[in-house]
């Protein structure tokens, strides 16, 4: 009885918070109670955040993908100098997309997980201001979309990805990300069977969830439903 009343109070408080979250969502976290026993045999209870839900969010809302799924891997190259620009153009590494893109990515990743692999992101939503930075460094439409028109990356509907196994090892796709040459083309079949099989797995699975690829970049996928969205300049906060 000594610990029963405080525990019941905590449960009631969390139940109320849970109802508010389910009722409005608005990107808030759902919490769950975790029971632990100390070395003295005393039960303690703590709150553990769980993944957010899409309930109540419009399809065009920008969301941080890691808040809605813990099944992805990340290597966001433009937050480093390890990219074809040789420059860091993001203040910090985050992967944001619009809600409809996030939903499609999570669904596609479920299929990949069933096969023992998962999506790894090189780039996600890209603010239009960053597109201008990239254009200043490489003003060539063959490599960088003209920021005046923008790209689907700027709309929150494009991602640059590869596949990794459950230990985080990348599947062999034949080239590194942002390799601009024939070896990166989808229609280049003069490659080892393993590479062709890996690309086929990536392409066919993504296409089955509403994405389409471009011929010259095996890593780039656009969500068809995002094509008519507006170019955006939403900027995420950096916690560092």
C-alpha atoms as a PDB file:
ATOM      1  CA  UNK A   1       0.000   0.000   0.000  1.00  0.00           C
ATOM      2  CA  UNK A   2       2.963   2.280   0.663  1.00  0.00           C
ATOM      3  CA  UNK A   3       3.661   2.642  -3.084  1.00  0.00           C
ATOM      4  CA  UNK A   4       0.179   1.919  -4.456  1.00  0.00           C
ATOM      5  CA  UNK A   5      -1.413   5.362  -4.179  1.00  0.00           C
ATOM      6  CA  UNK A   6       1.433   7.338  -5.802  1.00  0.00           C
ATOM      7  CA  UNK A   7       1.545   4.771  -8.604  1.00  0.00           C
ATOM      8  CA  UNK A   8      -2.220   5.002  -9.222  1.00  0.00           C
ATOM      9  CA  UNK A   9      -1.935   8.780  -9.327  1.00  0.00           C
ATOM     10  CA  UNK A  10       0.809   8.525 -11.899  1.00  0.00           C
ATOM     11  CA  UNK A  11      -1.260   6.129 -13.998  1.00  0.00           C
ATOM     12  CA  UNK A  12      -4.248   8.495 -13.895  1.00  0.00           C
ATOM     13  CA  UNK A  13      -2.110  11.459 -14.894  1.00  0.00           C
ATOM     14  CA  UNK A  14      -0.575   9.607 -17.817  1.00  0.00           C
ATOM     15  CA  UNK A  15      -3.961   8.287 -18.911  1.00  0.00           C
ATOM     16  CA  UNK A  16      -5.230  11.852 -19.170  1.00  0.00           C
ATOM     17  CA  UNK A  17      -2.163  12.903 -21.131  1.00  0.00           C
ATOM     18  CA  UNK A  18      -2.580   9.917 -23.403  1.00  0.00           C
ATOM     19  CA  UNK A  19      -6.172  10.921 -24.177  1.00  0.00           C
ATOM     20  CA  UNK A  20      -5.070  14.427 -25.068  1.00  0.00           C
ATOM     21  CA  UNK A  21      -2.430  13.084 -27.407  1.00  0.00           C
ATOM     22  CA  UNK A  22      -4.782  10.675 -29.118  1.00  0.00           C
ATOM     23  CA  UNK A  23      -7.446  13.342 -29.402  1.00  0.00           C
ATOM     24  CA  UNK A  24      -5.307  16.094 -30.933  1.00  0.00           C
ATOM     25  CA  UNK A  25      -1.967  14.466 -31.764  1.00  0.00           C
ATOM     26  CA  UNK A  26      -0.357  17.591 -33.289  1.00  0.00           C
ATOM     27  CA  UNK A  27       3.005  15.867 -33.248  1.00  0.00           C
ATOM     28  CA  UNK A  28       3.051  15.228 -29.511  1.00  0.00           C
ATOM     29  CA  UNK A  29       4.633  12.104 -28.109  1.00  0.00           C
ATOM     30  CA  UNK A  30       2.668   9.244 -26.609  1.00  0.00           C
ATOM     31  CA  UNK A  31       4.192   7.968 -23.375  1.00  0.00           C
ATOM     32  CA  UNK A  32       4.141   4.604 -21.707  1.00  0.00           C
ATOM     33  CA  UNK A  33       4.933   3.527 -18.150  1.00  0.00           C
ATOM     34  CA  UNK A  34       7.996   1.383 -17.631  1.00  0.00           C
ATOM     35  CA  UNK A  35       8.287  -0.573 -14.391  1.00  0.00           C
ATOM     36  CA  UNK A  36      11.718  -1.185 -12.876  1.00  0.00           C
ATOM     37  CA  UNK A  37      12.804  -2.718  -9.616  1.00  0.00           C
ATOM     38  CA  UNK A  38      15.716  -1.261  -7.672  1.00  0.00           C
ATOM     39  CA  UNK A  39      18.398  -3.329  -5.976  1.00  0.00           C
ATOM     40  CA  UNK A  40      16.500  -2.800  -2.717  1.00  0.00           C
ATOM     41  CA  UNK A  41      13.433  -4.500  -4.217  1.00  0.00           C
ATOM     42  CA  UNK A  42      11.435  -1.267  -4.552  1.00  0.00           C
ATOM     43  CA  UNK A  43       9.275  -0.862  -7.676  1.00  0.00           C
ATOM     44  CA  UNK A  44       9.752   2.416  -9.542  1.00  0.00           C
ATOM     45  CA  UNK A  45       7.942   3.732 -12.587  1.00  0.00           C
ATOM     46  CA  UNK A  46       9.230   6.002 -15.338  1.00  0.00           C
ATOM     47  CA  UNK A  47       7.836   7.499 -18.524  1.00  0.00           C
ATOM     48  CA  UNK A  48       9.291   6.374 -21.848  1.00  0.00           C
ATOM     49  CA  UNK A  49       8.553   8.309 -25.055  1.00  0.00           C
ATOM     50  CA  UNK A  50       7.146   6.285 -27.929  1.00  0.00           C
ATOM     51  CA  UNK A  51       6.948   7.134 -31.602  1.00  0.00           C
ATOM     52  CA  UNK A  52       4.557   9.840 -32.719  1.00  0.00           C
ATOM     53  CA  UNK A  53       1.522   9.117 -34.874  1.00  0.00           C
ATOM     54  CA  UNK A  54       0.234  10.865 -37.995  1.00  0.00           C
ATOM     55  CA  UNK A  55      -3.253  11.270 -36.560  1.00  0.00           C
ATOM     56  CA  UNK A  56      -4.527  14.798 -37.092  1.00  0.00           C
ATOM     57  CA  UNK A  57      -1.670  15.814 -39.389  1.00  0.00           C
ATOM     58  CA  UNK A  58      -2.312  17.039 -42.924  1.00  0.00           C
ATOM     59  CA  UNK A  59      -0.479  15.187 -45.704  1.00  0.00           C
ATOM     60  CA  UNK A  60       1.469  18.348 -46.558  1.00  0.00           C
ATOM     61  CA  UNK A  61       2.791  18.934 -43.028  1.00  0.00           C
ATOM     62  CA  UNK A  62       6.564  18.662 -42.651  1.00  0.00           C
ATOM     63  CA  UNK A  63       7.654  16.069 -40.094  1.00  0.00           C
ATOM     64  CA  UNK A  64      10.930  14.689 -38.775  1.00  0.00           C
ATOM     65  CA  UNK A  65      10.979  11.109 -39.998  1.00  0.00           C
ATOM     66  CA  UNK A  66      12.846   9.717 -36.979  1.00  0.00           C
ATOM     67  CA  UNK A  67       9.937  10.804 -34.743  1.00  0.00           C
ATOM     68  CA  UNK A  68       7.602   8.410 -36.552  1.00  0.00           C
ATOM     69  CA  UNK A  69       9.836   5.388 -37.204  1.00  0.00           C
ATOM     70  CA  UNK A  70      13.000   3.972 -35.675  1.00  0.00           C
ATOM     71  CA  UNK A  71      13.546   1.558 -38.570  1.00  0.00           C
ATOM     72  CA  UNK A  72      15.736   3.727 -40.804  1.00  0.00           C
ATOM     73  CA  UNK A  73      19.451   4.495 -41.074  1.00  0.00           C
ATOM     74  CA  UNK A  74      20.948   7.897 -41.918  1.00  0.00           C
ATOM     75  CA  UNK A  75      24.063   9.333 -43.562  1.00  0.00           C
ATOM     76  CA  UNK A  76      22.958  12.841 -44.451  1.00  0.00           C
ATOM     77  CA  UNK A  77      25.848  13.866 -46.663  1.00  0.00           C
ATOM     78  CA  UNK A  78      25.016  17.539 -47.198  1.00  0.00           C
ATOM     79  CA  UNK A  79      25.410  18.147 -43.459  1.00  0.00           C
ATOM     80  CA  UNK A  80      29.067  17.162 -44.013  1.00  0.00           C
ATOM     81  CA  UNK A  81      31.748  17.870 -46.597  1.00  0.00           C
ATOM     82  CA  UNK A  82      31.545  14.273 -47.857  1.00  0.00           C
ATOM     83  CA  UNK A  83      29.543  15.089 -50.989  1.00  0.00           C
ATOM     84  CA  UNK A  84      30.152  16.179 -54.562  1.00  0.00           C
ATOM     85  CA  UNK A  85      29.944  19.849 -53.534  1.00  0.00           C
ATOM     86  CA  UNK A  86      32.820  19.353 -51.072  1.00  0.00           C
ATOM     87  CA  UNK A  87      30.904  21.707 -48.785  1.00  0.00           C
ATOM     88  CA  UNK A  88      28.533  21.515 -45.810  1.00  0.00           C
ATOM     89  CA  UNK A  89      25.259  23.194 -46.781  1.00  0.00           C
ATOM     90  CA  UNK A  90      22.980  22.036 -43.930  1.00  0.00           C
ATOM     91  CA  UNK A  91      23.443  23.465 -40.439  1.00  0.00           C
ATOM     92  CA  UNK A  92      22.702  20.040 -38.942  1.00  0.00           C
ATOM     93  CA  UNK A  93      21.735  16.564 -40.086  1.00  0.00           C
ATOM     94  CA  UNK A  94      17.973  15.990 -40.087  1.00  0.00           C
ATOM     95  CA  UNK A  95      15.620  14.099 -42.382  1.00  0.00           C
ATOM     96  CA  UNK A  96      12.288  15.868 -42.877  1.00  0.00           C
ATOM     97  CA  UNK A  97       9.585  15.095 -45.430  1.00  0.00           C
ATOM     98  CA  UNK A  98       5.919  15.879 -45.830  1.00  0.00           C
ATOM     99  CA  UNK A  99       3.543  13.490 -44.060  1.00  0.00           C
ATOM    100  CA  UNK A 100       2.441  11.699 -47.231  1.00  0.00           C
ATOM    101  CA  UNK A 101       6.063  11.036 -48.173  1.00  0.00           C
ATOM    102  CA  UNK A 102       6.840   9.787 -44.681  1.00  0.00           C
ATOM    103  CA  UNK A 103       3.888   7.388 -44.778  1.00  0.00           C
ATOM    104  CA  UNK A 104       5.007   5.958 -48.121  1.00  0.00           C
ATOM    105  CA  UNK A 105       8.605   5.588 -46.900  1.00  0.00           C
ATOM    106  CA  UNK A 106       7.541   3.751 -43.745  1.00  0.00           C
ATOM    107  CA  UNK A 107       5.357   1.406 -45.798  1.00  0.00           C
ATOM    108  CA  UNK A 108       8.195   0.721 -48.253  1.00  0.00           C
ATOM    109  CA  UNK A 109      10.645   0.167 -45.411  1.00  0.00           C
ATOM    110  CA  UNK A 110       8.335  -2.433 -43.896  1.00  0.00           C
ATOM    111  CA  UNK A 111       8.688  -4.453 -47.092  1.00  0.00           C
ATOM    112  CA  UNK A 112      12.461  -4.030 -46.993  1.00  0.00           C
ATOM    113  CA  UNK A 113      12.621  -5.097 -43.340  1.00  0.00           C
ATOM    114  CA  UNK A 114      10.754  -8.274 -44.233  1.00  0.00           C
ATOM    115  CA  UNK A 115      13.694  -9.018 -46.560  1.00  0.00           C
ATOM    116  CA  UNK A 116      16.341  -8.276 -43.925  1.00  0.00           C
ATOM    117  CA  UNK A 117      17.353  -4.813 -45.164  1.00  0.00           C
ATOM    118  CA  UNK A 118      16.268  -1.218 -44.547  1.00  0.00           C
ATOM    119  CA  UNK A 119      16.432   2.245 -46.081  1.00  0.00           C
ATOM    120  CA  UNK A 120      19.402   4.495 -45.433  1.00  0.00           C
ATOM    121  CA  UNK A 121      18.982   8.194 -46.258  1.00  0.00           C
ATOM    122  CA  UNK A 122      21.545  10.445 -47.924  1.00  0.00           C
ATOM    123  CA  UNK A 123      19.158  13.376 -48.369  1.00  0.00           C
ATOM    124  CA  UNK A 124      15.500  14.162 -47.720  1.00  0.00           C
ATOM    125  CA  UNK A 125      13.587  17.453 -47.810  1.00  0.00           C
ATOM    126  CA  UNK A 126      15.857  20.317 -48.835  1.00  0.00           C
ATOM    127  CA  UNK A 127      14.887  23.928 -48.073  1.00  0.00           C
ATOM    128  CA  UNK A 128      14.921  26.140 -51.150  1.00  0.00           C
ATOM    129  CA  UNK A 129      17.512  28.389 -49.476  1.00  0.00           C
ATOM    130  CA  UNK A 130      19.858  25.382 -49.417  1.00  0.00           C
ATOM    131  CA  UNK A 131      19.141  24.818 -53.108  1.00  0.00           C
ATOM    132  CA  UNK A 132      20.440  28.340 -53.719  1.00  0.00           C
ATOM    133  CA  UNK A 133      23.602  27.529 -51.733  1.00  0.00           C
ATOM    134  CA  UNK A 134      24.168  24.443 -53.853  1.00  0.00           C
ATOM    135  CA  UNK A 135      23.568  26.427 -57.060  1.00  0.00           C
ATOM    136  CA  UNK A 136      26.175  28.998 -56.016  1.00  0.00           C
ATOM    137  CA  UNK A 137      28.741  26.221 -55.649  1.00  0.00           C
ATOM    138  CA  UNK A 138      27.760  24.219 -58.770  1.00  0.00           C
ATOM    139  CA  UNK A 139      25.569  26.317 -61.120  1.00  0.00           C
ATOM    140  CA  UNK A 140      25.010  23.458 -63.530  1.00  0.00           C
ATOM    141  CA  UNK A 141      21.480  22.049 -64.050  1.00  0.00           C
ATOM    142  CA  UNK A 142      22.998  18.700 -64.960  1.00  0.00           C
ATOM    143  CA  UNK A 143      23.977  18.280 -61.313  1.00  0.00           C
ATOM    144  CA  UNK A 144      21.913  20.790 -59.311  1.00  0.00           C
ATOM    145  CA  UNK A 145      18.314  21.852 -59.976  1.00  0.00           C
ATOM    146  CA  UNK A 146      17.906  25.559 -60.669  1.00  0.00           C
ATOM    147  CA  UNK A 147      16.578  27.011 -57.365  1.00  0.00           C
ATOM    148  CA  UNK A 148      14.369  29.500 -59.197  1.00  0.00           C
ATOM    149  CA  UNK A 149      12.270  26.529 -60.323  1.00  0.00           C
ATOM    150  CA  UNK A 150      13.150  24.256 -57.415  1.00  0.00           C
ATOM    151  CA  UNK A 151      13.164  20.467 -57.278  1.00  0.00           C
ATOM    152  CA  UNK A 152      10.951  17.840 -55.682  1.00  0.00           C
ATOM    153  CA  UNK A 153      13.548  17.748 -52.870  1.00  0.00           C
ATOM    154  CA  UNK A 154      12.423  21.331 -52.136  1.00  0.00           C
ATOM    155  CA  UNK A 155       8.807  20.141 -52.047  1.00  0.00           C
ATOM    156  CA  UNK A 156       9.423  17.457 -49.433  1.00  0.00           C
ATOM    157  CA  UNK A 157       8.648  14.664 -51.875  1.00  0.00           C
ATOM    158  CA  UNK A 158      12.090  13.375 -52.922  1.00  0.00           C
ATOM    159  CA  UNK A 159      14.693  11.289 -51.128  1.00  0.00           C
ATOM    160  CA  UNK A 160      18.163  10.005 -51.917  1.00  0.00           C
ATOM    161  CA  UNK A 161      18.558   6.516 -50.454  1.00  0.00           C
ATOM    162  CA  UNK A 162      20.305   3.177 -50.456  1.00  0.00           C
ATOM    163  CA  UNK A 163      19.794  -0.106 -48.606  1.00  0.00           C
ATOM    164  CA  UNK A 164      21.728  -1.507 -45.666  1.00  0.00           C
ATOM    165  CA  UNK A 165      21.559  -4.859 -43.908  1.00  0.00           C
ATOM    166  CA  UNK A 166      20.551  -5.134 -40.257  1.00  0.00           C
ATOM    167  CA  UNK A 167      24.163  -4.572 -39.182  1.00  0.00           C
ATOM    168  CA  UNK A 168      24.261  -1.323 -41.134  1.00  0.00           C
ATOM    169  CA  UNK A 169      26.404  -2.535 -44.046  1.00  0.00           C
ATOM    170  CA  UNK A 170      25.439  -0.955 -47.355  1.00  0.00           C
ATOM    171  CA  UNK A 171      24.346  -3.213 -50.183  1.00  0.00           C
ATOM    172  CA  UNK A 172      26.575  -2.876 -53.241  1.00  0.00           C
ATOM    173  CA  UNK A 173      24.871  -0.516 -55.686  1.00  0.00           C
ATOM    174  CA  UNK A 174      27.891  -0.133 -57.965  1.00  0.00           C
ATOM    175  CA  UNK A 175      28.767   3.481 -57.141  1.00  0.00           C
ATOM    176  CA  UNK A 176      28.747   5.861 -54.219  1.00  0.00           C
ATOM    177  CA  UNK A 177      25.945   8.394 -53.751  1.00  0.00           C
ATOM    178  CA  UNK A 178      26.143  11.356 -56.147  1.00  0.00           C
ATOM    179  CA  UNK A 179      28.374   9.575 -58.622  1.00  0.00           C
ATOM    180  CA  UNK A 180      27.654  11.270 -61.927  1.00  0.00           C
ATOM    181  CA  UNK A 181      28.442   8.811 -64.656  1.00  0.00           C
ATOM    182  CA  UNK A 182      27.009   5.960 -66.705  1.00  0.00           C
ATOM    183  CA  UNK A 183      27.768   3.397 -63.986  1.00  0.00           C
ATOM    184  CA  UNK A 184      25.032   5.017 -61.869  1.00  0.00           C
ATOM    185  CA  UNK A 185      22.369   4.795 -64.590  1.00  0.00           C
ATOM    186  CA  UNK A 186      19.378   2.518 -64.078  1.00  0.00           C
ATOM    187  CA  UNK A 187      19.532   1.374 -67.683  1.00  0.00           C
ATOM    188  CA  UNK A 188      23.182   0.343 -67.439  1.00  0.00           C
ATOM    189  CA  UNK A 189      22.995  -3.449 -67.300  1.00  0.00           C
ATOM    190  CA  UNK A 190      26.716  -3.969 -67.841  1.00  0.00           C
ATOM    191  CA  UNK A 191      27.216  -4.573 -64.135  1.00  0.00           C
ATOM    192  CA  UNK A 192      27.670  -7.623 -61.853  1.00  0.00           C
ATOM    193  CA  UNK A 193      24.489  -9.556 -61.092  1.00  0.00           C
ATOM    194  CA  UNK A 194      24.633  -8.685 -57.388  1.00  0.00           C
ATOM    195  CA  UNK A 195      24.550  -4.961 -58.131  1.00  0.00           C
ATOM    196  CA  UNK A 196      21.711  -5.334 -60.625  1.00  0.00           C
ATOM    197  CA  UNK A 197      19.736  -7.419 -58.109  1.00  0.00           C
ATOM    198  CA  UNK A 198      20.244  -4.846 -55.344  1.00  0.00           C
ATOM    199  CA  UNK A 199      19.139  -1.990 -57.577  1.00  0.00           C
ATOM    200  CA  UNK A 200      16.142  -3.993 -58.749  1.00  0.00           C
ATOM    201  CA  UNK A 201      15.068  -4.650 -55.159  1.00  0.00           C
ATOM    202  CA  UNK A 202      15.344  -0.952 -54.328  1.00  0.00           C
ATOM    203  CA  UNK A 203      13.597   0.266 -57.476  1.00  0.00           C
ATOM    204  CA  UNK A 204      10.733  -2.226 -57.609  1.00  0.00           C
ATOM    205  CA  UNK A 205       9.901  -1.849 -53.926  1.00  0.00           C
ATOM    206  CA  UNK A 206       9.943   1.949 -54.042  1.00  0.00           C
ATOM    207  CA  UNK A 207       7.833   2.011 -57.201  1.00  0.00           C
ATOM    208  CA  UNK A 208       5.281  -0.282 -55.555  1.00  0.00           C
ATOM    209  CA  UNK A 209       4.757   2.438 -52.944  1.00  0.00           C
ATOM    210  CA  UNK A 210       4.197   5.351 -55.306  1.00  0.00           C
ATOM    211  CA  UNK A 211       7.757   6.512 -55.991  1.00  0.00           C
ATOM    212  CA  UNK A 212       9.452   6.933 -59.364  1.00  0.00           C
ATOM    213  CA  UNK A 213      13.116   7.047 -60.222  1.00  0.00           C
ATOM    214  CA  UNK A 214      15.245   9.057 -62.623  1.00  0.00           C
ATOM    215  CA  UNK A 215      17.341   7.296 -65.222  1.00  0.00           C
ATOM    216  CA  UNK A 216      20.764   8.646 -64.254  1.00  0.00           C
ATOM    217  CA  UNK A 217      20.704   8.248 -60.446  1.00  0.00           C
ATOM    218  CA  UNK A 218      20.021   4.879 -58.808  1.00  0.00           C
ATOM    219  CA  UNK A 219      19.611   6.559 -55.387  1.00  0.00           C
ATOM    220  CA  UNK A 220      16.997   9.209 -56.225  1.00  0.00           C
ATOM    221  CA  UNK A 221      13.247   8.635 -55.727  1.00  0.00           C
ATOM    222  CA  UNK A 222      10.320  11.033 -56.105  1.00  0.00           C
ATOM    223  CA  UNK A 223       6.862  10.503 -54.649  1.00  0.00           C
ATOM    224  CA  UNK A 224       4.383  10.884 -57.507  1.00  0.00           C
ATOM    225  CA  UNK A 225       1.763  12.424 -55.200  1.00  0.00           C
ATOM    226  CA  UNK A 226       4.189  15.243 -54.299  1.00  0.00           C
ATOM    227  CA  UNK A 227       4.810  16.476 -57.843  1.00  0.00           C
ATOM    228  CA  UNK A 228       2.311  19.342 -57.630  1.00  0.00           C
ATOM    229  CA  UNK A 229       3.237  20.531 -54.133  1.00  0.00           C
ATOM    230  CA  UNK A 230       4.769  23.978 -53.741  1.00  0.00           C
ATOM    231  CA  UNK A 231       8.493  24.590 -53.359  1.00  0.00           C
ATOM    232  CA  UNK A 232       9.080  25.237 -49.653  1.00  0.00           C
ATOM    233  CA  UNK A 233      11.650  26.904 -47.465  1.00  0.00           C
ATOM    234  CA  UNK A 234      10.658  25.377 -44.139  1.00  0.00           C
ATOM    235  CA  UNK A 235      13.756  25.188 -41.896  1.00  0.00           C
ATOM    236  CA  UNK A 236      14.181  22.793 -39.005  1.00  0.00           C
ATOM    237  CA  UNK A 237      15.745  23.702 -35.684  1.00  0.00           C
ATOM    238  CA  UNK A 238      19.207  22.470 -34.748  1.00  0.00           C
ATOM    239  CA  UNK A 239      19.574  21.428 -31.118  1.00  0.00           C
ATOM    240  CA  UNK A 240      23.369  21.590 -31.019  1.00  0.00           C
END
